[in-house]
PDB file of N, CA and C in Angstrom:
ATOM      1  N   ALA A   1       0.929  -1.130  -0.278  1.00  0.00           N
ATOM      2  CA  ALA A   1      -0.405  -0.061   0.171  1.00  0.00           C
ATOM      3  C   ALA A   1       0.863   0.940   0.098  1.00  0.00           C
ATOM      4  N   ARG A   2       0.197   1.728  -0.724  1.00  0.00           N
ATOM      5  CA  ARG A   2       1.406   3.250  -0.607  1.00  0.00           C
ATOM      6  C   ARG A   2       0.571   4.389   0.884  1.00  0.00           C
ATOM      7  N   GLU A   3       2.008   4.935   0.972  1.00  0.00           N
ATOM      8  CA  GLU A   3       1.551   5.744   2.354  1.00  0.00           C
ATOM      9  C   GLU A   3       1.425   6.951   1.648  1.00  0.00           C
ATOM     10  N   ARG A   4       0.439   7.681   2.928  1.00  0.00           N
ATOM     11  CA  ARG A   4      -0.040   9.004   2.498  1.00  0.00           C
ATOM     12  C   ARG A   4       0.660  10.194   2.744  1.00  0.00           C
ATOM     13  N   PRO A   5       0.689  11.417   2.210  1.00  0.00           N
ATOM     14  CA  PRO A   5       1.615  11.743   2.399  1.00  0.00           C
ATOM     15  C   PRO A   5       1.119  12.827   3.798  1.00  0.00           C
ATOM     16  N   ASP A   6       1.823  13.670   4.883  1.00  0.00           N
ATOM     17  CA  ASP A   6       1.208  14.338   5.689  1.00  0.00           C
ATOM     18  C   ASP A   6       0.680  15.680   5.167  1.00  0.00           C
ATOM     19  N   LEU A   7       1.590  16.242   4.292  1.00  0.00           N
ATOM     20  CA  LEU A   7       1.450  17.702   3.552  1.00  0.00           C
ATOM     21  C   LEU A   7       1.771  17.876   2.001  1.00  0.00           C
ATOM     22  N   VAL A   8       0.966  18.369   1.189  1.00  0.00           N
ATOM     23  CA  VAL A   8       1.649  19.027  -0.475  1.00  0.00           C
ATOM     24  C   VAL A   8       1.861  20.092  -0.563  1.00  0.00           C
ATOM     25  N   LEU A   9       2.803  20.323  -1.105  1.00  0.00           N
ATOM     26  CA  LEU A   9       3.221  21.379  -1.881  1.00  0.00           C
ATOM     27  C   LEU A   9       2.143  20.914  -3.342  1.00  0.00           C
ATOM     28  N   LEU A  10       1.451  22.181  -4.016  1.00  0.00           N
ATOM     29  CA  LEU A  10       1.646  22.410  -5.070  1.00  0.00           C
ATOM     30  C   LEU A  10       1.607  24.154  -5.572  1.00  0.00           C
ATOM     31  N   ASP A  11       2.319  23.596  -7.043  1.00  0.00           N
ATOM     32  CA  ASP A  11       2.311  25.661  -7.171  1.00  0.00           C
ATOM     33  C   ASP A  11       1.198  25.474  -8.380  1.00  0.00           C
ATOM     34  N   VAL A  12       0.905  26.404  -8.696  1.00  0.00           N
ATOM     35  CA  VAL A  12      -0.929  26.526  -9.066  1.00  0.00           C
ATOM     36  C   VAL A  12       0.215  25.712 -10.788  1.00  0.00           C
ATOM     37  N   MET A  13       0.598  26.933 -11.080  1.00  0.00           N
ATOM     38  CA  MET A  13       1.385  26.677 -12.473  1.00  0.00           C
ATOM     39  C   MET A  13       2.418  25.742 -13.026  1.00  0.00           C
ATOM     40  N   MET A  14       1.773  24.340 -13.403  1.00  0.00           N
ATOM     41  CA  MET A  14       2.345  22.821 -13.450  1.00  0.00           C
ATOM     42  C   MET A  14       1.936  22.481 -15.176  1.00  0.00           C
ATOM     43  N   PRO A  15       3.183  21.374 -15.426  1.00  0.00           N
ATOM     44  CA  PRO A  15       3.598  21.037 -16.702  1.00  0.00           C
ATOM     45  C   PRO A  15       2.333  20.644 -17.346  1.00  0.00           C
ATOM     46  N   VAL A  16       1.855  19.558 -16.443  1.00  0.00           N
ATOM     47  CA  VAL A  16       0.267  18.989 -16.795  1.00  0.00           C
ATOM     48  C   VAL A  16      -0.472  19.202 -15.769  1.00  0.00           C
ATOM     49  N   LYS A  17      -0.802  19.765 -15.473  1.00  0.00           N
ATOM     50  CA  LYS A  17      -2.161  19.930 -14.990  1.00  0.00           C
ATOM     51  C   LYS A  17      -1.625  20.962 -13.529  1.00  0.00           C
ATOM     52  N   SER A  18      -2.567  22.039 -13.449  1.00  0.00           N
ATOM     53  CA  SER A  18      -2.634  23.637 -12.693  1.00  0.00           C
ATOM     54  C   SER A  18      -2.864  22.676 -10.754  1.00  0.00           C
ATOM     55  N   GLY A  19      -1.832  23.799 -10.179  1.00  0.00           N
ATOM     56  CA  GLY A  19      -2.090  22.788  -8.808  1.00  0.00           C
ATOM     57  C   GLY A  19      -3.711  22.866  -8.479  1.00  0.00           C
ATOM     58  N   PHE A  20      -4.421  24.033  -9.138  1.00  0.00           N
ATOM     59  CA  PHE A  20      -5.905  24.277  -8.926  1.00  0.00           C
ATOM     60  C   PHE A  20      -6.183  22.511  -9.014  1.00  0.00           C
ATOM     61  N   ASP A  21      -6.457  22.333 -10.251  1.00  0.00           N
ATOM     62  CA  ASP A  21      -6.655  20.811 -10.410  1.00  0.00           C
ATOM     63  C   ASP A  21      -6.265  19.957  -9.982  1.00  0.00           C
ATOM     64  N   VAL A  22      -5.400  20.209  -9.190  1.00  0.00           N
ATOM     65  CA  VAL A  22      -5.063  18.788  -8.508  1.00  0.00           C
ATOM     66  C   VAL A  22      -5.284  18.439  -6.886  1.00  0.00           C
ATOM     67  N   CYS A  23      -4.964  19.858  -6.391  1.00  0.00           N
ATOM     68  CA  CYS A  23      -5.731  20.523  -5.377  1.00  0.00           C
ATOM     69  C   CYS A  23      -7.632  19.787  -5.029  1.00  0.00           C
ATOM     70  N   HIS A  24      -7.831  20.214  -6.401  1.00  0.00           N
ATOM     71  CA  HIS A  24      -9.835  19.405  -6.157  1.00  0.00           C
ATOM     72  C   HIS A  24      -9.599  17.656  -6.243  1.00  0.00           C
ATOM     73  N   GLU A  25      -8.787  17.467  -7.037  1.00  0.00           N
ATOM     74  CA  GLU A  25      -8.402  15.484  -7.087  1.00  0.00           C
ATOM     75  C   GLU A  25      -7.841  15.637  -5.376  1.00  0.00           C
ATOM     76  N   VAL A  26      -7.375  15.756  -4.933  1.00  0.00           N
ATOM     77  CA  VAL A  26      -6.637  15.367  -3.429  1.00  0.00           C
ATOM     78  C   VAL A  26      -7.809  16.155  -2.797  1.00  0.00           C
ATOM     79  N   ARG A  27      -8.531  16.485  -2.854  1.00  0.00           N
ATOM     80  CA  ARG A  27     -10.150  16.670  -2.002  1.00  0.00           C
ATOM     81  C   ARG A  27     -11.284  16.088  -2.232  1.00  0.00           C
ATOM     82  N   SER A  28     -11.256  15.297  -3.491  1.00  0.00           N
ATOM     83  CA  SER A  28     -12.175  14.590  -3.602  1.00  0.00           C
ATOM     84  C   SER A  28     -12.099  13.026  -3.543  1.00  0.00           C
ATOM     85  N   SER A  29     -10.109  12.725  -3.311  1.00  0.00           N
ATOM     86  CA  SER A  29      -9.782  11.556  -3.394  1.00  0.00           C
ATOM     87  C   SER A  29     -10.739  10.667  -1.241  1.00  0.00           C
ATOM     88  N   GLU A  30     -11.144   9.991  -1.061  1.00  0.00           N
ATOM     89  CA  GLU A  30     -11.264   8.692  -0.174  1.00  0.00           C
ATOM     90  C   GLU A  30     -10.508   9.146   0.317  1.00  0.00           C
ATOM     91  N   THR A  31      -8.694   8.326   0.153  1.00  0.00           N
ATOM     92  CA  THR A  31      -7.978   8.117   1.105  1.00  0.00           C
ATOM     93  C   THR A  31      -6.788   9.251   1.108  1.00  0.00           C
ATOM     94  N   ALA A  32      -6.742  10.100   0.459  1.00  0.00           N
ATOM     95  CA  ALA A  32      -6.336  11.711   0.508  1.00  0.00           C
ATOM     96  C   ALA A  32      -6.277  12.741   0.857  1.00  0.00           C
ATOM     97  N   ARG A  33      -8.280  12.749   1.057  1.00  0.00           N
ATOM     98  CA  ARG A  33      -8.637  13.770   1.377  1.00  0.00           C
ATOM     99  C   ARG A  33      -8.250  15.298   2.639  1.00  0.00           C
ATOM    100  N   ASP A  34      -7.763  14.233   3.706  1.00  0.00           N
ATOM    101  CA  ASP A  34      -7.152  14.974   4.370  1.00  0.00           C
ATOM    102  C   ASP A  34      -6.416  15.646   4.603  1.00  0.00           C
ATOM    103  N   THR A  35      -5.480  15.145   3.442  1.00  0.00           N
ATOM    104  CA  THR A  35      -3.895  15.853   3.110  1.00  0.00           C
ATOM    105  C   THR A  35      -3.900  16.833   3.294  1.00  0.00           C
ATOM    106  N   THR A  36      -2.988  18.005   4.560  1.00  0.00           N
ATOM    107  CA  THR A  36      -3.017  18.910   3.880  1.00  0.00           C
ATOM    108  C   THR A  36      -2.140  19.865   3.119  1.00  0.00           C
ATOM    109  N   ILE A  37      -2.892  21.170   2.249  1.00  0.00           N
ATOM    110  CA  ILE A  37      -2.813  21.374   1.285  1.00  0.00           C
ATOM    111  C   ILE A  37      -1.790  22.718   1.286  1.00  0.00           C
ATOM    112  N   VAL A  38      -0.383  22.951   0.544  1.00  0.00           N
ATOM    113  CA  VAL A  38      -0.193  24.515   0.339  1.00  0.00           C
ATOM    114  C   VAL A  38       0.323  24.811  -0.980  1.00  0.00           C
ATOM    115  N   MET A  39      -0.476  26.230  -1.612  1.00  0.00           N
ATOM    116  CA  MET A  39      -0.915  26.441  -2.555  1.00  0.00           C
ATOM    117  C   MET A  39       0.542  27.143  -2.995  1.00  0.00           C
ATOM    118  N   LEU A  40       1.074  27.440  -4.124  1.00  0.00           N
ATOM    119  CA  LEU A  40       2.546  27.815  -3.925  1.00  0.00           C
ATOM    120  C   LEU A  40       2.456  28.663  -5.102  1.00  0.00           C
ATOM    121  N   THR A  41       2.321  30.176  -5.338  1.00  0.00           N
ATOM    122  CA  THR A  41       2.176  30.872  -6.632  1.00  0.00           C
ATOM    123  C   THR A  41       2.895  31.513  -6.668  1.00  0.00           C
ATOM    124  N   ALA A  42       3.325  32.548  -8.181  1.00  0.00           N
ATOM    125  CA  ALA A  42       3.264  33.672  -8.624  1.00  0.00           C
ATOM    126  C   ALA A  42       1.943  34.426  -8.550  1.00  0.00           C
ATOM    127  N   LYS A  43       1.054  34.071  -8.793  1.00  0.00           N
ATOM    128  CA  LYS A  43       0.294  34.247  -9.209  1.00  0.00           C
ATOM    129  C   LYS A  43      -0.821  35.390  -7.581  1.00  0.00           C
ATOM    130  N   GLY A  44      -0.969  35.994  -7.346  1.00  0.00           N
ATOM    131  CA  GLY A  44      -0.958  36.932  -6.310  1.00  0.00           C
ATOM    132  C   GLY A  44      -2.194  37.272  -6.207  1.00  0.00           C
ATOM    133  N   ARG A  45      -3.562  37.139  -7.017  1.00  0.00           N
ATOM    134  CA  ARG A  45      -4.240  38.114  -7.112  1.00  0.00           C
ATOM    135  C   ARG A  45      -5.722  37.347  -5.907  1.00  0.00           C
ATOM    136  N   ASP A  46      -6.206  37.977  -5.604  1.00  0.00           N
ATOM    137  CA  ASP A  46      -7.324  37.581  -4.556  1.00  0.00           C
ATOM    138  C   ASP A  46      -8.168  36.750  -4.993  1.00  0.00           C
ATOM    139  N   THR A  47      -8.463  37.027  -6.523  1.00  0.00           N
ATOM    140  CA  THR A  47      -9.850  35.795  -7.258  1.00  0.00           C
ATOM    141  C   THR A  47      -8.588  34.213  -7.555  1.00  0.00           C
ATOM    142  N   ASP A  48      -7.235  34.091  -7.906  1.00  0.00           N
ATOM    143  CA  ASP A  48      -6.371  32.774  -7.457  1.00  0.00           C
ATOM    144  C   ASP A  48      -5.963  32.636  -5.884  1.00  0.00           C
ATOM    145  N   ILE A  49      -5.951  33.550  -4.860  1.00  0.00           N
ATOM    146  CA  ILE A  49      -6.465  33.460  -3.489  1.00  0.00           C
ATOM    147  C   ILE A  49      -7.533  32.727  -2.945  1.00  0.00           C
ATOM    148  N   ALA A  50      -8.665  33.212  -3.255  1.00  0.00           N
ATOM    149  CA  ALA A  50      -9.819  32.955  -3.156  1.00  0.00           C
ATOM    150  C   ALA A  50     -10.518  31.220  -3.638  1.00  0.00           C
ATOM    151  N   LYS A  51      -9.736  31.292  -5.279  1.00  0.00           N
ATOM    152  CA  LYS A  51     -10.062  29.705  -6.062  1.00  0.00           C
ATOM    153  C   LYS A  51      -9.569  28.425  -5.074  1.00  0.00           C
ATOM    154  N   GLY A  52      -7.377  29.091  -4.810  1.00  0.00           N
ATOM    155  CA  GLY A  52      -6.973  27.403  -3.822  1.00  0.00           C
ATOM    156  C   GLY A  52      -8.254  27.864  -2.717  1.00  0.00           C
ATOM    157  N   MET A  53      -8.506  28.539  -2.270  1.00  0.00           N
ATOM    158  CA  MET A  53      -8.780  28.324  -0.460  1.00  0.00           C
ATOM    159  C   MET A  53     -10.050  27.623  -0.955  1.00  0.00           C
ATOM    160  N   ALA A  54     -11.087  27.983  -1.790  1.00  0.00           N
ATOM    161  CA  ALA A  54     -12.497  27.719  -1.650  1.00  0.00           C
ATOM    162  C   ALA A  54     -12.526  26.231  -2.684  1.00  0.00           C
ATOM    163  N   LEU A  55     -11.034  25.727  -3.272  1.00  0.00           N
ATOM    164  CA  LEU A  55     -10.679  24.277  -3.559  1.00  0.00           C
ATOM    165  C   LEU A  55     -10.326  23.371  -2.431  1.00  0.00           C
ATOM    166  N   GLY A  56     -10.010  24.082  -1.505  1.00  0.00           N
ATOM    167  CA  GLY A  56      -9.570  23.329   0.075  1.00  0.00           C
ATOM    168  C   GLY A  56      -8.301  23.439   0.010  1.00  0.00           C
ATOM    169  N   ALA A  57      -7.567  24.089  -0.303  1.00  0.00           N
ATOM    170  CA  ALA A  57      -6.401  24.302   0.136  1.00  0.00           C
ATOM    171  C   ALA A  57      -6.231  25.148   1.518  1.00  0.00           C
ATOM    172  N   ASP A  58      -4.946  24.661   2.407  1.00  0.00           N
ATOM    173  CA  ASP A  58      -4.916  24.625   3.852  1.00  0.00           C
ATOM    174  C   ASP A  58      -4.156  26.440   4.037  1.00  0.00           C
ATOM    175  N   ALA A  59      -4.021  26.696   2.776  1.00  0.00           N
ATOM    176  CA  ALA A  59      -2.834  27.947   2.716  1.00  0.00           C
ATOM    177  C   ALA A  59      -2.024  28.024   1.749  1.00  0.00           C
ATOM    178  N   TYR A  60      -2.073  29.584   1.445  1.00  0.00           N
ATOM    179  CA  TYR A  60      -2.100  29.840  -0.285  1.00  0.00           C
ATOM    180  C   TYR A  60      -0.684  31.192   0.138  1.00  0.00           C
ATOM    181  N   MET A  61       0.461  31.022  -0.134  1.00  0.00           N
ATOM    182  CA  MET A  61       1.544  31.324  -0.264  1.00  0.00           C
ATOM    183  C   MET A  61       1.719  32.153  -1.900  1.00  0.00           C
ATOM    184  N   THR A  62       2.088  33.042  -1.685  1.00  0.00           N
ATOM    185  CA  THR A  62       2.416  33.724  -3.086  1.00  0.00           C
ATOM    186  C   THR A  62       4.464  34.005  -3.055  1.00  0.00           C
ATOM    187  N   LYS A  63       4.520  33.548  -3.540  1.00  0.00           N
ATOM    188  CA  LYS A  63       6.050  34.087  -4.500  1.00  0.00           C
ATOM    189  C   LYS A  63       6.224  35.468  -4.479  1.00  0.00           C
ATOM    190  N   PRO A  64       7.444  36.252  -4.389  1.00  0.00           N
ATOM    191  CA  PRO A  64       8.545  35.535  -3.593  1.00  0.00           C
ATOM    192  C   PRO A  64       8.388  35.415  -2.737  1.00  0.00           C
ATOM    193  N   PHE A  65       8.426  34.140  -2.025  1.00  0.00           N
ATOM    194  CA  PHE A  65       9.090  34.370  -0.296  1.00  0.00           C
ATOM    195  C   PHE A  65       9.871  33.246   0.386  1.00  0.00           C
ATOM    196  N   SER A  66      10.608  33.620   1.218  1.00  0.00           N
ATOM    197  CA  SER A  66      12.533  32.628   2.288  1.00  0.00           C
ATOM    198  C   SER A  66      11.549  31.631   2.096  1.00  0.00           C
ATOM    199  N   THR A  67      12.790  30.405   1.852  1.00  0.00           N
ATOM    200  CA  THR A  67      13.153  29.180   2.677  1.00  0.00           C
ATOM    201  C   THR A  67      11.921  29.132   4.152  1.00  0.00           C
ATOM    202  N   ARG A  68      12.730  30.192   4.663  1.00  0.00           N
ATOM    203  CA  ARG A  68      12.113  30.459   5.979  1.00  0.00           C
ATOM    204  C   ARG A  68      10.690  30.489   5.976  1.00  0.00           C
ATOM    205  N   GLU A  69      10.096  31.602   5.584  1.00  0.00           N
ATOM    206  CA  GLU A  69       8.967  31.359   5.648  1.00  0.00           C
ATOM    207  C   GLU A  69       7.657  30.269   5.576  1.00  0.00           C
ATOM    208  N   LEU A  70       8.696  29.609   4.261  1.00  0.00           N
ATOM    209  CA  LEU A  70       8.005  28.466   3.691  1.00  0.00           C
ATOM    210  C   LEU A  70       8.474  27.498   5.144  1.00  0.00           C
ATOM    211  N   VAL A  71       8.801  27.476   5.345  1.00  0.00           N
ATOM    212  CA  VAL A  71       9.431  26.138   6.684  1.00  0.00           C
ATOM    213  C   VAL A  71       8.391  26.599   7.472  1.00  0.00           C
ATOM    214  N   GLU A  72       8.221  27.713   8.086  1.00  0.00           N
ATOM    215  CA  GLU A  72       7.351  28.489   9.313  1.00  0.00           C
ATOM    216  C   GLU A  72       5.750  27.611   9.208  1.00  0.00           C
ATOM    217  N   LYS A  73       5.758  27.934   7.889  1.00  0.00           N
ATOM    218  CA  LYS A  73       4.066  28.127   7.496  1.00  0.00           C
ATOM    219  C   LYS A  73       4.422  26.385   7.569  1.00  0.00           C
ATOM    220  N   VAL A  74       4.485  25.321   6.929  1.00  0.00           N
ATOM    221  CA  VAL A  74       4.383  24.120   6.820  1.00  0.00           C
ATOM    222  C   VAL A  74       5.019  23.784   8.380  1.00  0.00           C
ATOM    223  N   SER A  75       5.520  24.023   9.105  1.00  0.00           N
ATOM    224  CA  SER A  75       5.473  23.917  10.889  1.00  0.00           C
ATOM    225  C   SER A  75       4.574  23.930  11.392  1.00  0.00           C
ATOM    226  N   GLU A  76       4.275  25.252  10.614  1.00  0.00           N
ATOM    227  CA  GLU A  76       2.672  25.417  12.109  1.00  0.00           C
ATOM    228  C   GLU A  76       1.304  25.311  11.672  1.00  0.00           C
ATOM    229  N   LEU A  77       1.332  24.257   9.548  1.00  0.00           N
ATOM    230  CA  LEU A  77       0.259  23.263   9.863  1.00  0.00           C
ATOM    231  C   LEU A  77       0.483  22.034   9.940  1.00  0.00           C
ATOM    232  N   LEU A  78       1.743  21.987  10.415  1.00  0.00           N
ATOM    233  CA  LEU A  78       1.842  20.549  10.651  1.00  0.00           C
ATOM    234  C   LEU A  78       2.120  19.928  12.187  1.00  0.00           C
ATOM    235  N   ARG A  79       1.717  21.811  13.029  1.00  0.00           N
ATOM    236  CA  ARG A  79       1.830  21.364  14.236  1.00  0.00           C
ATOM    237  C   ARG A  79      -0.273  20.960  14.811  1.00  0.00           C
ATOM    238  N   GLY A  80      -0.841  21.758  13.845  1.00  0.00           N
ATOM    239  CA  GLY A  80      -1.769  22.069  13.910  1.00  0.00           C
ATOM    240  C   GLY A  80      -2.799  20.461  13.540  1.00  0.00           C
ATOM    241  N   ARG A  81      -2.081  19.875  12.437  1.00  0.00           N
ATOM    242  CA  ARG A  81      -2.577  18.222  12.591  1.00  0.00           C
ATOM    243  C   ARG A  81      -2.062  17.205  13.772  1.00  0.00           C
ATOM    244  N   ALA A  82      -1.263  17.646  14.387  1.00  0.00           N
ATOM    245  CA  ALA A  82      -0.862  16.714  15.182  1.00  0.00           C
ATOM    246  C   ALA A  82      -1.725  15.867  16.925  1.00  0.00           C
TER     247      ALA A  82
END
């Protein structure tokens, strides 16, 4: 059996599917729907953020951001799962 990740980082603009599409698929999955999702993107418009959150993202980070900011956000979200 495959293990389910605790957290997934999704870029909105990926080569085959958008991060929005993957987020929707994860939230629709019986086995993965509780996975924490962080959307990463250069698209910082309010409508993009609202779309990501409406699809079930737990957080939305707009590029550029520092590695420290990303680590802090991931740590915060994973602590909330414990």
